[in-house]
Amino acid sequence: MPESKPTKNDKALIGGFMNVAWGTSREEAMKIISLRDGVVFDAKESNQNDIYFNGGTFSDFQVHMISLSPSCTIGFIPDSLS
């Protein structure tokens, strides 16, 4: 029997980044990122399109900022580059 390809509803099969699956809703992504140790939501910088967080770590690097946006999906700036 041929293997079926994952659909946009099969988030677990599609992968993701920082425990946020591709296609996750804005609200759910905010919850997931907010649960990371040391991460604080930045309401001042966030807007209708982009969500910003300060602090936390990624791959053992201290993080200055994490951003979630429709165009970039997820990005981070290490403290060493801020």
Protein backbone atom coordinates (compact mmCIF):
# COMPACT_ATOMS: atom_id res chain seq x y z
CA MET A 1 0.00 0.00 0.00
CA PRO A 2 1.52 3.40 -0.96
CA GLU A 3 2.32 5.84 1.82
CA SER A 4 0.03 8.86 1.95
CA LYS A 5 1.55 12.33 2.02
CA PRO A 6 0.92 14.49 5.09
CA THR A 7 -1.77 17.14 4.75
CA LYS A 8 -1.92 20.55 6.40
CA ASN A 9 -4.01 18.93 9.16
CA ASP A 10 -1.22 16.46 10.00
CA LYS A 11 0.84 18.97 12.00
CA ALA A 12 2.83 16.29 13.80
CA LEU A 13 4.04 14.92 10.46
CA ILE A 14 4.89 18.30 8.93
CA GLY A 15 7.43 19.32 11.56
CA GLY A 16 8.06 22.74 13.00
CA PHE A 17 10.49 24.77 15.04
CA MET A 18 10.91 25.37 18.79
CA ASN A 19 8.04 22.92 19.48
CA VAL A 20 5.63 24.94 17.30
CA ALA A 21 4.30 22.89 14.38
CA TRP A 22 3.98 24.60 11.01
CA GLY A 23 0.41 25.79 10.60
CA THR A 24 -0.21 26.26 14.33
CA SER A 25 -2.66 29.06 15.14
CA ARG A 26 -1.30 32.37 16.44
CA GLU A 27 -2.91 31.81 19.85
CA GLU A 28 -1.55 28.29 20.24
CA ALA A 29 1.95 29.36 19.11
CA MET A 30 1.88 32.15 21.72
CA LYS A 31 0.98 29.60 24.42
CA ILE A 32 3.74 27.21 23.38
CA ILE A 33 6.49 29.85 23.22
CA SER A 34 5.30 31.47 26.49
CA LEU A 35 5.81 28.13 28.28
CA ARG A 36 9.55 28.14 27.52
CA ASP A 37 11.77 28.90 30.53
CA GLY A 38 12.70 32.57 30.83
CA VAL A 39 10.50 33.74 27.92
CA VAL A 40 8.34 36.85 28.43
CA PHE A 41 5.70 38.12 25.99
CA ASP A 42 6.53 41.64 24.69
CA ALA A 43 3.15 43.36 24.29
CA LYS A 44 4.79 46.70 23.46
CA GLU A 45 6.58 45.39 20.36
CA SER A 46 3.91 42.91 19.25
CA ASN A 47 1.26 43.93 16.74
CA GLN A 48 -1.53 42.41 14.64
CA ASN A 49 0.96 40.52 12.44
CA ASP A 50 4.06 39.92 14.54
CA ILE A 51 4.42 38.52 18.06
CA TYR A 52 7.58 39.23 20.08
CA PHE A 53 9.01 37.63 23.19
CA ASN A 54 12.12 38.43 25.22
CA GLY A 55 14.51 36.03 26.94
CA GLY A 56 14.82 32.29 27.05
CA THR A 57 17.26 29.99 25.29
CA PHE A 58 17.58 28.23 21.97
CA SER A 59 20.09 25.41 21.49
CA ASP A 60 21.96 26.43 24.66
CA PHE A 61 22.25 30.08 23.50
CA GLN A 62 20.74 32.88 25.55
CA VAL A 63 18.09 34.60 23.42
CA HIS A 64 17.45 38.35 23.32
CA MET A 65 14.25 38.16 21.24
CA ILE A 66 11.96 35.57 19.64
CA SER A 67 9.56 36.65 16.91
CA LEU A 68 6.59 34.90 15.35
CA SER A 69 5.26 36.29 12.10
CA PRO A 70 3.34 35.09 9.04
CA SER A 71 6.27 35.93 6.75
CA CYS A 72 9.14 34.59 8.86
CA THR A 73 7.21 32.08 10.99
CA ILE A 74 9.72 31.90 13.86
CA GLY A 75 13.05 33.61 14.37
CA PHE A 76 15.38 34.43 17.23
CA ILE A 77 18.26 36.79 17.99
CA PRO A 78 20.94 35.42 20.33
CA ASP A 79 22.08 37.75 23.12
CA SER A 80 25.56 37.74 21.58
CA LEU A 81 24.21 39.53 18.47
CA SER A 82 21.83 41.97 20.14
